[in-house]
Every structure is written in structure tokens, then in C-alpha cells.
Amino acid sequence: MVNPSRSEQAGSFCWSCQGWVAVGSAFCATCQVIQPVAAQVDFFALFSLSAAFDLDAARLQQPYQDLQRAFHPDRFVQRSATERRLSLEQVTHLNRAYQTVKDPLLRSEYLLERSGQGGAIDEKALNREPAFLMEVMEQREALEEVEITDPQAMQRLQSLRREADQRIAQELAALRALHGATAVDWQAVARCNHRLRYQRRFLEAMDQVEEQLWQQDG
């Protein structure tokens, strides 16, 4: 069997010694110098994980910590300006990958992007869906009806929070089923992502109202 030439393999040449660096390698095997972030390596591969929605977040910790130590800028204080810059780029990329894979919503959105189907999703159409509009209106009205001076305001907020948490749990369960299907319905995934993003924003809005309540009590 004829081995493929380097130009046909996935990888690049080291910026320092011109040695061959396989795709996904953060350090040159020849001179051990840190390399630029490889754009073609996805976030799951960075942690040696299969690209899937349903995963054990605990499995991220060890590879994440190992890579943090390898890329940490403190290790490159005495190195060249290029190496110091690349260590920062690698750490930034690593942290973004970690936050994305760890968070269920960001993970689902990344899988949608990774599928190549994201461009076919009409975000404006998702906002116009009757069921979603009704859900938004009901929650907003309920939050607006909470009076800061009402002695029962905190209880009302807690009730709204429980409802939002239940809706979030429902969307996450739906995403788990959708991503686990043999043929993924990416349009349905996008709808779940959209609803889940809204529920998170709604929780943030409730946090602001709750903060006003605490300030008033203080």
C-alpha cells in the first residue's frame, strides 16, 4: 500500500521547525513547540469524546484540566512572544470548547452547527410559532403582574421559577430524544434550542426582579 504524502494527510507544518504536525496536535512532535489552534478540530475531539448530546459532563474534567496545565500561560513566560501568544489562543479556545460541551443548550446548538443544517433554520419563523408566542406572552404577563410591594411577591416568583424549571426540563428531555434518533430532525432541534434559550432569559429576568425584592427588604 502506498502511504499518502504529507500534503494529502490532515495536518500542517510546524511554524518553528517545519516538522509535520498531525491535525489536532497542539505541540509539534519534532521540536515540542506549541502550535496555533487547529480550526478543523471540533470541540468534542479536543476532549476525546464522541460528538453526542447525551454525555457525562464529569468525563470532561480530567482532559480539560490536563489541557489547562499544558497550555497555561505561566508555562510560557520565558518563551518567545509567539509561543506566549499561542498559549493564550489555545487556552481561550479550550475554555470556549469546555463551556460549549459542558452546557446542554450550547452543546445542542454546536451539534446543530456541526451538522451543517444551521443555515437552513429560519430564526424569525421560530419566533412566530403560535405555541411559542403564547408561552412567551403568558410568562411575561405573569412576571409583570408581580408587584414589588406585594408581601406575596417572593412566593409568586418562586412559583414562576418552578414552572420555568419544569419547561426547561421538558425541553432538555426533548433534545435528548431528538439527538438520540437515528435520523435527527434538525428543525425540531432548532425549535427546542430556541425555546430553551428563551426560558433561560426568562430566569434571568426573574433574577432581576428578585434582586429588587431583596434590595427593598434590605
C-alpha atoms as a PDB file:
ATOM      1  CA  MET A   1       0.000   0.000   0.000  1.00  0.00           C
ATOM      2  CA  VAL A   2       1.317   3.440  -0.920  1.00  0.00           C
ATOM      3  CA  ASN A   3       1.393   5.832   2.019  1.00  0.00           C
ATOM      4  CA  PRO A   4      -0.250   9.204   1.354  1.00  0.00           C
ATOM      5  CA  SER A   5       2.032  12.209   1.030  1.00  0.00           C
ATOM      6  CA  ARG A   6       2.018  14.835   3.731  1.00  0.00           C
ATOM      7  CA  SER A   7       0.047  17.179   1.503  1.00  0.00           C
ATOM      8  CA  GLU A   8      -2.675  14.518   1.389  1.00  0.00           C
ATOM      9  CA  GLN A   9      -2.703  13.939   5.139  1.00  0.00           C
ATOM     10  CA  ALA A  10      -4.616  16.009   7.671  1.00  0.00           C
ATOM     11  CA  GLY A  11      -2.143  18.294   9.345  1.00  0.00           C
ATOM     12  CA  SER A  12       0.245  21.176   8.831  1.00  0.00           C
ATOM     13  CA  PHE A  13       3.879  22.153   9.145  1.00  0.00           C
ATOM     14  CA  CYS A  14       5.263  23.452  12.425  1.00  0.00           C
ATOM     15  CA  TRP A  15       5.703  27.216  12.355  1.00  0.00           C
ATOM     16  CA  SER A  16       9.016  26.844  14.216  1.00  0.00           C
ATOM     17  CA  CYS A  17      10.912  23.844  12.812  1.00  0.00           C
ATOM     18  CA  GLN A  18       8.753  22.975   9.774  1.00  0.00           C
ATOM     19  CA  GLY A  19       8.226  19.472  11.132  1.00  0.00           C
ATOM     20  CA  TRP A  20       4.951  17.741  10.373  1.00  0.00           C
ATOM     21  CA  VAL A  21       2.155  18.311  12.911  1.00  0.00           C
ATOM     22  CA  ALA A  22      -0.823  15.968  12.750  1.00  0.00           C
ATOM     23  CA  VAL A  23      -4.256  17.543  12.873  1.00  0.00           C
ATOM     24  CA  GLY A  24      -5.407  18.029  16.448  1.00  0.00           C
ATOM     25  CA  SER A  25      -1.887  18.123  17.888  1.00  0.00           C
ATOM     26  CA  ALA A  26      -1.248  21.225  19.971  1.00  0.00           C
ATOM     27  CA  PHE A  27       2.507  20.610  20.113  1.00  0.00           C
ATOM     28  CA  CYS A  28       5.000  19.725  17.413  1.00  0.00           C
ATOM     29  CA  ALA A  29       6.233  16.153  17.784  1.00  0.00           C
ATOM     30  CA  THR A  30       9.647  17.201  16.449  1.00  0.00           C
ATOM     31  CA  CYS A  31      10.516  20.312  18.487  1.00  0.00           C
ATOM     32  CA  GLN A  32       7.707  20.223  21.131  1.00  0.00           C
ATOM     33  CA  VAL A  33       6.765  23.845  20.410  1.00  0.00           C
ATOM     34  CA  ILE A  34       3.133  24.897  20.930  1.00  0.00           C
ATOM     35  CA  GLN A  35       1.093  25.266  17.726  1.00  0.00           C
ATOM     36  CA  PRO A  36      -1.761  27.514  16.554  1.00  0.00           C
ATOM     37  CA  VAL A  37      -5.325  26.409  17.249  1.00  0.00           C
ATOM     38  CA  ALA A  38      -6.419  23.919  14.594  1.00  0.00           C
ATOM     39  CA  ALA A  39      -9.744  25.258  13.346  1.00  0.00           C
ATOM     40  CA  GLN A  40     -10.765  21.914  11.831  1.00  0.00           C
ATOM     41  CA  VAL A  41     -10.685  20.097  15.186  1.00  0.00           C
ATOM     42  CA  ASP A  42     -14.121  20.178  16.764  1.00  0.00           C
ATOM     43  CA  PHE A  43     -14.802  20.681  20.452  1.00  0.00           C
ATOM     44  CA  PHE A  44     -15.698  17.063  21.166  1.00  0.00           C
ATOM     45  CA  ALA A  45     -12.485  15.745  19.609  1.00  0.00           C
ATOM     46  CA  LEU A  46     -10.489  18.137  21.782  1.00  0.00           C
ATOM     47  CA  PHE A  47     -11.643  16.125  24.812  1.00  0.00           C
ATOM     48  CA  SER A  48     -11.509  12.758  23.013  1.00  0.00           C
ATOM     49  CA  LEU A  49     -15.300  12.462  23.211  1.00  0.00           C
ATOM     50  CA  SER A  50     -17.816  11.272  20.656  1.00  0.00           C
ATOM     51  CA  ALA A  51     -19.986  14.028  19.233  1.00  0.00           C
ATOM     52  CA  ALA A  52     -23.249  13.402  21.079  1.00  0.00           C
ATOM     53  CA  PHE A  53     -25.792  15.357  23.077  1.00  0.00           C
ATOM     54  CA  ASP A  54     -26.142  12.803  25.852  1.00  0.00           C
ATOM     55  CA  LEU A  55     -22.825  12.668  27.691  1.00  0.00           C
ATOM     56  CA  ASP A  56     -21.431  12.540  31.208  1.00  0.00           C
ATOM     57  CA  ALA A  57     -20.157  16.043  31.979  1.00  0.00           C
ATOM     58  CA  ALA A  58     -17.826  14.573  34.606  1.00  0.00           C
ATOM     59  CA  ARG A  59     -15.806  12.987  31.793  1.00  0.00           C
ATOM     60  CA  LEU A  60     -14.794  16.470  30.684  1.00  0.00           C
ATOM     61  CA  GLN A  61     -12.971  17.360  33.870  1.00  0.00           C
ATOM     62  CA  GLN A  62      -9.777  15.322  33.572  1.00  0.00           C
ATOM     63  CA  PRO A  63      -8.960  16.096  29.916  1.00  0.00           C
ATOM     64  CA  TYR A  64      -9.890  19.735  30.499  1.00  0.00           C
ATOM     65  CA  GLN A  65      -7.572  20.036  33.499  1.00  0.00           C
ATOM     66  CA  ASP A  66      -4.765  18.236  31.654  1.00  0.00           C
ATOM     67  CA  LEU A  67      -5.033  20.616  28.715  1.00  0.00           C
ATOM     68  CA  GLN A  68      -5.284  23.641  31.013  1.00  0.00           C
ATOM     69  CA  ARG A  69      -1.980  22.678  32.571  1.00  0.00           C
ATOM     70  CA  ALA A  70      -0.381  22.089  29.178  1.00  0.00           C
ATOM     71  CA  PHE A  71      -1.496  25.440  27.740  1.00  0.00           C
ATOM     72  CA  HIS A  72      -1.306  27.626  30.850  1.00  0.00           C
ATOM     73  CA  PRO A  73       0.464  30.927  30.082  1.00  0.00           C
ATOM     74  CA  ASP A  74       2.634  30.569  33.205  1.00  0.00           C
ATOM     75  CA  ARG A  75       4.476  27.753  31.449  1.00  0.00           C
ATOM     76  CA  PHE A  76       5.444  30.099  28.611  1.00  0.00           C
ATOM     77  CA  VAL A  77       6.611  33.182  30.498  1.00  0.00           C
ATOM     78  CA  GLN A  78      10.218  32.568  29.476  1.00  0.00           C
ATOM     79  CA  ARG A  79       9.385  31.529  25.905  1.00  0.00           C
ATOM     80  CA  SER A  80       9.155  33.607  22.731  1.00  0.00           C
ATOM     81  CA  ALA A  81       6.414  36.181  22.132  1.00  0.00           C
ATOM     82  CA  THR A  82       4.878  33.860  19.526  1.00  0.00           C
ATOM     83  CA  GLU A  83       4.683  30.965  21.982  1.00  0.00           C
ATOM     84  CA  ARG A  84       3.156  33.192  24.662  1.00  0.00           C
ATOM     85  CA  ARG A  85       0.523  34.367  22.182  1.00  0.00           C
ATOM     86  CA  LEU A  86      -0.255  30.836  21.046  1.00  0.00           C
ATOM     87  CA  SER A  87      -0.647  29.614  24.633  1.00  0.00           C
ATOM     88  CA  LEU A  88      -3.275  32.305  25.208  1.00  0.00           C
ATOM     89  CA  GLU A  89      -5.048  31.345  21.982  1.00  0.00           C
ATOM     90  CA  GLN A  90      -5.038  27.671  22.971  1.00  0.00           C
ATOM     91  CA  VAL A  91      -6.378  28.425  26.468  1.00  0.00           C
ATOM     92  CA  THR A  92      -9.110  30.676  25.052  1.00  0.00           C
ATOM     93  CA  HIS A  93     -10.129  28.002  22.555  1.00  0.00           C
ATOM     94  CA  LEU A  94     -10.035  25.326  25.264  1.00  0.00           C
ATOM     95  CA  ASN A  95     -12.251  27.315  27.628  1.00  0.00           C
ATOM     96  CA  ARG A  96     -14.768  28.041  24.878  1.00  0.00           C
ATOM     97  CA  ALA A  97     -14.849  24.360  23.935  1.00  0.00           C
ATOM     98  CA  TYR A  98     -15.277  23.320  27.566  1.00  0.00           C
ATOM     99  CA  GLN A  99     -18.161  25.721  28.217  1.00  0.00           C
ATOM    100  CA  THR A 100     -19.856  24.646  24.988  1.00  0.00           C
ATOM    101  CA  VAL A 101     -19.609  20.888  25.524  1.00  0.00           C
ATOM    102  CA  LYS A 102     -20.473  21.156  29.223  1.00  0.00           C
ATOM    103  CA  ASP A 103     -23.648  23.208  28.759  1.00  0.00           C
ATOM    104  CA  PRO A 104     -26.627  21.267  27.299  1.00  0.00           C
ATOM    105  CA  LEU A 105     -28.019  24.197  25.302  1.00  0.00           C
ATOM    106  CA  LEU A 106     -24.655  25.279  23.907  1.00  0.00           C
ATOM    107  CA  ARG A 107     -23.858  21.627  23.181  1.00  0.00           C
ATOM    108  CA  SER A 108     -27.100  21.217  21.236  1.00  0.00           C
ATOM    109  CA  GLU A 109     -26.507  24.436  19.313  1.00  0.00           C
ATOM    110  CA  TYR A 110     -22.969  23.315  18.493  1.00  0.00           C
ATOM    111  CA  LEU A 111     -24.192  19.939  17.252  1.00  0.00           C
ATOM    112  CA  LEU A 112     -26.690  21.772  15.028  1.00  0.00           C
ATOM    113  CA  GLU A 113     -23.908  23.982  13.680  1.00  0.00           C
ATOM    114  CA  ARG A 114     -21.650  20.956  13.253  1.00  0.00           C
ATOM    115  CA  SER A 115     -24.341  19.167  11.241  1.00  0.00           C
ATOM    116  CA  GLY A 116     -24.260  21.874   8.583  1.00  0.00           C
ATOM    117  CA  GLN A 117     -28.042  22.303   8.835  1.00  0.00           C
ATOM    118  CA  GLY A 118     -27.999  25.514  10.867  1.00  0.00           C
ATOM    119  CA  GLY A 119     -28.068  27.739   7.802  1.00  0.00           C
ATOM    120  CA  ALA A 120     -31.427  26.275   6.766  1.00  0.00           C
ATOM    121  CA  ILE A 121     -33.119  27.350  10.019  1.00  0.00           C
ATOM    122  CA  ASP A 122     -35.272  30.495   9.884  1.00  0.00           C
ATOM    123  CA  GLU A 123     -34.881  32.082  13.327  1.00  0.00           C
ATOM    124  CA  LYS A 124     -37.615  34.643  12.629  1.00  0.00           C
ATOM    125  CA  ALA A 125     -40.044  31.851  11.819  1.00  0.00           C
ATOM    126  CA  LEU A 126     -39.268  30.237  15.174  1.00  0.00           C
ATOM    127  CA  ASN A 127     -40.276  33.479  16.910  1.00  0.00           C
ATOM    128  CA  ARG A 128     -43.624  33.456  15.103  1.00  0.00           C
ATOM    129  CA  GLU A 129     -44.694  29.954  16.119  1.00  0.00           C
ATOM    130  CA  PRO A 130     -48.129  30.241  17.852  1.00  0.00           C
ATOM    131  CA  ALA A 131     -47.293  27.911  20.741  1.00  0.00           C
ATOM    132  CA  PHE A 132     -44.065  29.760  21.463  1.00  0.00           C
ATOM    133  CA  LEU A 133     -45.743  33.179  21.255  1.00  0.00           C
ATOM    134  CA  MET A 134     -48.464  32.088  23.668  1.00  0.00           C
ATOM    135  CA  GLU A 135     -45.871  30.727  26.101  1.00  0.00           C
ATOM    136  CA  VAL A 136     -43.896  33.983  25.973  1.00  0.00           C
ATOM    137  CA  MET A 137     -46.971  36.167  26.478  1.00  0.00           C
ATOM    138  CA  GLU A 138     -48.219  34.144  29.449  1.00  0.00           C
ATOM    139  CA  GLN A 139     -44.882  34.197  31.223  1.00  0.00           C
ATOM    140  CA  ARG A 140     -44.215  37.874  30.596  1.00  0.00           C
ATOM    141  CA  GLU A 141     -47.667  38.861  31.798  1.00  0.00           C
ATOM    142  CA  ALA A 142     -47.289  36.746  34.925  1.00  0.00           C
ATOM    143  CA  LEU A 143     -43.932  38.371  35.703  1.00  0.00           C
ATOM    144  CA  GLU A 144     -45.256  41.877  35.055  1.00  0.00           C
ATOM    145  CA  GLU A 145     -48.094  41.215  37.493  1.00  0.00           C
ATOM    146  CA  VAL A 146     -45.640  40.622  40.342  1.00  0.00           C
ATOM    147  CA  GLU A 147     -45.748  43.760  42.487  1.00  0.00           C
ATOM    148  CA  ILE A 148     -42.562  44.551  44.372  1.00  0.00           C
ATOM    149  CA  THR A 149     -44.574  45.838  47.319  1.00  0.00           C
ATOM    150  CA  ASP A 150     -46.771  42.725  47.494  1.00  0.00           C
ATOM    151  CA  PRO A 151     -45.947  40.594  50.571  1.00  0.00           C
ATOM    152  CA  GLN A 152     -46.554  37.522  48.393  1.00  0.00           C
ATOM    153  CA  ALA A 153     -44.182  38.683  45.630  1.00  0.00           C
ATOM    154  CA  MET A 154     -41.392  36.251  46.519  1.00  0.00           C
ATOM    155  CA  GLN A 155     -43.793  33.302  46.607  1.00  0.00           C
ATOM    156  CA  ARG A 156     -45.139  34.306  43.198  1.00  0.00           C
ATOM    157  CA  LEU A 157     -41.612  34.468  41.811  1.00  0.00           C
ATOM    158  CA  GLN A 158     -40.776  31.063  43.228  1.00  0.00           C
ATOM    159  CA  SER A 159     -43.872  29.616  41.581  1.00  0.00           C
ATOM    160  CA  LEU A 160     -42.895  31.149  38.225  1.00  0.00           C
ATOM    161  CA  ARG A 161     -39.373  29.812  38.648  1.00  0.00           C
ATOM    162  CA  ARG A 162     -40.647  26.280  39.273  1.00  0.00           C
ATOM    163  CA  GLU A 163     -42.759  26.488  36.113  1.00  0.00           C
ATOM    164  CA  ALA A 164     -39.775  27.721  34.082  1.00  0.00           C
ATOM    165  CA  ASP A 165     -37.573  24.961  35.515  1.00  0.00           C
ATOM    166  CA  GLN A 166     -40.189  22.390  34.501  1.00  0.00           C
ATOM    167  CA  ARG A 167     -40.289  23.754  30.960  1.00  0.00           C
ATOM    168  CA  ILE A 168     -36.502  23.662  30.794  1.00  0.00           C
ATOM    169  CA  ALA A 169     -36.526  20.028  31.939  1.00  0.00           C
ATOM    170  CA  GLN A 170     -39.105  19.214  29.246  1.00  0.00           C
ATOM    171  CA  GLU A 171     -37.033  20.864  26.512  1.00  0.00           C
ATOM    172  CA  LEU A 172     -33.875  19.050  27.638  1.00  0.00           C
ATOM    173  CA  ALA A 173     -35.721  15.730  27.582  1.00  0.00           C
ATOM    174  CA  ALA A 174     -36.998  16.523  24.097  1.00  0.00           C
ATOM    175  CA  LEU A 175     -33.478  17.411  22.926  1.00  0.00           C
ATOM    176  CA  ARG A 176     -32.112  14.161  24.326  1.00  0.00           C
ATOM    177  CA  ALA A 177     -34.700  12.208  22.359  1.00  0.00           C
ATOM    178  CA  LEU A 178     -34.182  14.227  19.165  1.00  0.00           C
ATOM    179  CA  HIS A 179     -30.392  13.964  19.197  1.00  0.00           C
ATOM    180  CA  GLY A 180     -30.633  10.271  20.005  1.00  0.00           C
ATOM    181  CA  ALA A 181     -32.733   9.490  16.937  1.00  0.00           C
ATOM    182  CA  THR A 182     -31.236   7.639  14.004  1.00  0.00           C
ATOM    183  CA  ALA A 183     -32.222  10.487  11.679  1.00  0.00           C
ATOM    184  CA  VAL A 184     -32.050  13.772  13.594  1.00  0.00           C
ATOM    185  CA  ASP A 185     -34.795  16.298  12.872  1.00  0.00           C
ATOM    186  CA  TRP A 186     -32.627  19.425  12.967  1.00  0.00           C
ATOM    187  CA  GLN A 187     -35.611  21.749  12.530  1.00  0.00           C
ATOM    188  CA  ALA A 188     -37.149  20.281  15.693  1.00  0.00           C
ATOM    189  CA  VAL A 189     -33.786  20.596  17.460  1.00  0.00           C
ATOM    190  CA  ALA A 190     -33.661  24.274  16.494  1.00  0.00           C
ATOM    191  CA  ARG A 191     -37.163  24.816  17.915  1.00  0.00           C
ATOM    192  CA  CYS A 192     -36.165  23.204  21.223  1.00  0.00           C
ATOM    193  CA  ASN A 193     -32.961  25.251  21.346  1.00  0.00           C
ATOM    194  CA  HIS A 194     -34.960  28.411  20.715  1.00  0.00           C
ATOM    195  CA  ARG A 195     -37.478  27.690  23.472  1.00  0.00           C
ATOM    196  CA  LEU A 196     -34.725  26.716  25.891  1.00  0.00           C
ATOM    197  CA  ARG A 197     -32.832  29.950  25.208  1.00  0.00           C
ATOM    198  CA  TYR A 198     -35.990  31.912  25.984  1.00  0.00           C
ATOM    199  CA  GLN A 199     -36.599  30.064  29.253  1.00  0.00           C
ATOM    200  CA  ARG A 200     -33.063  30.891  30.347  1.00  0.00           C
ATOM    201  CA  ARG A 201     -33.586  34.561  29.528  1.00  0.00           C
ATOM    202  CA  PHE A 202     -36.847  34.456  31.472  1.00  0.00           C
ATOM    203  CA  LEU A 203     -34.998  33.103  34.505  1.00  0.00           C
ATOM    204  CA  GLU A 204     -32.536  35.995  34.189  1.00  0.00           C
ATOM    205  CA  ALA A 205     -35.455  38.453  34.116  1.00  0.00           C
ATOM    206  CA  MET A 206     -36.826  36.868  37.280  1.00  0.00           C
ATOM    207  CA  ASP A 207     -33.408  37.188  38.912  1.00  0.00           C
ATOM    208  CA  GLN A 208     -33.561  40.945  38.330  1.00  0.00           C
ATOM    209  CA  VAL A 209     -36.993  41.221  39.922  1.00  0.00           C
ATOM    210  CA  GLU A 210     -35.862  39.075  42.830  1.00  0.00           C
ATOM    211  CA  GLU A 211     -32.842  41.318  43.331  1.00  0.00           C
ATOM    212  CA  GLN A 212     -35.179  44.305  43.561  1.00  0.00           C
ATOM    213  CA  LEU A 213     -37.135  42.491  46.239  1.00  0.00           C
ATOM    214  CA  TRP A 214     -34.002  41.798  48.281  1.00  0.00           C
ATOM    215  CA  GLN A 215     -32.893  45.419  47.959  1.00  0.00           C
ATOM    216  CA  GLN A 216     -36.289  46.556  49.162  1.00  0.00           C
ATOM    217  CA  ASP A 217     -36.151  44.248  52.173  1.00  0.00           C
ATOM    218  CA  GLY A 218     -32.631  45.444  52.925  1.00  0.00           C
END
